[in-house]
C-alpha atoms as a PDB file:
ATOM      1  CA  MET A   1     -33.974 -95.118 -26.368  1.00  0.00           C
ATOM      2  CA  SER A   2     -35.368 -91.446 -27.807  1.00  0.00           C
ATOM      3  CA  MET A   3     -32.303 -88.961 -26.280  1.00  0.00           C
ATOM      4  CA  ILE A   4     -29.105 -89.201 -24.336  1.00  0.00           C
ATOM      5  CA  VAL A   5     -28.108 -86.846 -21.678  1.00  0.00           C
ATOM      6  CA  ILE A   6     -24.658 -86.892 -20.501  1.00  0.00           C
ATOM      7  CA  GLY A   7     -22.970 -84.640 -17.873  1.00  0.00           C
ATOM      8  CA  ALA A   8     -19.972 -82.745 -18.903  1.00  0.00           C
ATOM      9  CA  HIS A   9     -17.640 -81.584 -15.845  1.00  0.00           C
ATOM     10  CA  GLY A  10     -15.617 -78.981 -18.333  1.00  0.00           C
ATOM     11  CA  ARG A  11     -12.395 -80.099 -16.853  1.00  0.00           C
ATOM     12  CA  THR A  12      -9.076 -79.081 -18.997  1.00  0.00           C
ATOM     13  CA  ASP A  13      -6.292 -80.747 -17.086  1.00  0.00           C
ATOM     14  CA  VAL A  14      -5.215 -84.657 -17.445  1.00  0.00           C
ATOM     15  CA  ALA A  15      -8.646 -85.891 -15.793  1.00  0.00           C
ATOM     16  CA  SER A  16     -10.553 -84.489 -18.863  1.00  0.00           C
ATOM     17  CA  GLY A  17      -8.528 -87.110 -21.002  1.00  0.00           C
ATOM     18  CA  VAL A  18     -10.021 -89.762 -18.790  1.00  0.00           C
ATOM     19  CA  MET A  19     -13.279 -88.405 -18.120  1.00  0.00           C
ATOM     20  CA  GLY A  20     -13.726 -86.858 -21.448  1.00  0.00           C
ATOM     21  CA  ASN A  21     -13.405 -90.493 -23.402  1.00  0.00           C
ATOM     22  CA  VAL A  22     -16.472 -91.344 -22.113  1.00  0.00           C
ATOM     23  CA  GLU A  23     -18.489 -88.390 -23.166  1.00  0.00           C
ATOM     24  CA  VAL A  24     -16.825 -89.023 -26.925  1.00  0.00           C
ATOM     25  CA  ASN A  25     -17.481 -92.962 -26.704  1.00  0.00           C
ATOM     26  CA  VAL A  26     -20.861 -92.376 -26.197  1.00  0.00           C
ATOM     27  CA  LEU A  27     -21.377 -89.433 -29.025  1.00  0.00           C
ATOM     28  CA  ARG A  28     -19.461 -91.545 -31.295  1.00  0.00           C
ATOM     29  CA  LYS A  29     -21.417 -94.502 -30.868  1.00  0.00           C
ATOM     30  CA  ALA A  30     -24.928 -93.393 -29.819  1.00  0.00           C
ATOM     31  CA  ASP A  31     -27.761 -94.301 -32.244  1.00  0.00           C
ATOM     32  CA  CYS A  32     -30.217 -91.108 -31.197  1.00  0.00           C
ATOM     33  CA  PRO A  33     -29.431 -87.549 -30.300  1.00  0.00           C
ATOM     34  CA  VAL A  34     -26.716 -86.833 -27.244  1.00  0.00           C
ATOM     35  CA  LEU A  35     -27.124 -83.641 -25.150  1.00  0.00           C
ATOM     36  CA  THR A  36     -23.800 -82.745 -23.178  1.00  0.00           C
ATOM     37  CA  VAL A  37     -24.924 -80.370 -20.400  1.00  0.00           C
ATOM     38  CA  ARG A  38     -22.114 -78.530 -17.908  1.00  0.00           C
ATOM     39  CA  GLN A  39     -22.955 -77.446 -14.441  1.00  0.00           C
ATOM     40  CA  SER A  40     -23.434 -73.453 -14.793  1.00  0.00           C
ATOM     41  CA  ASP A  41     -20.716 -71.530 -12.677  1.00  0.00           C
END
C-alpha cells in the first residue's frame, strides 16, 4: 500500500474518544504515509 486516506469527523465530545482512537491507531501503526481529511463546513 502506498498511502492511507482516512476521514476525520472533527468531533470534540465524548464520541471523539471512541472514533478518534481508530484514527490514532492507524496513524501509529501504519508503515506508509497517512492522510487525514476533514469535511469542510
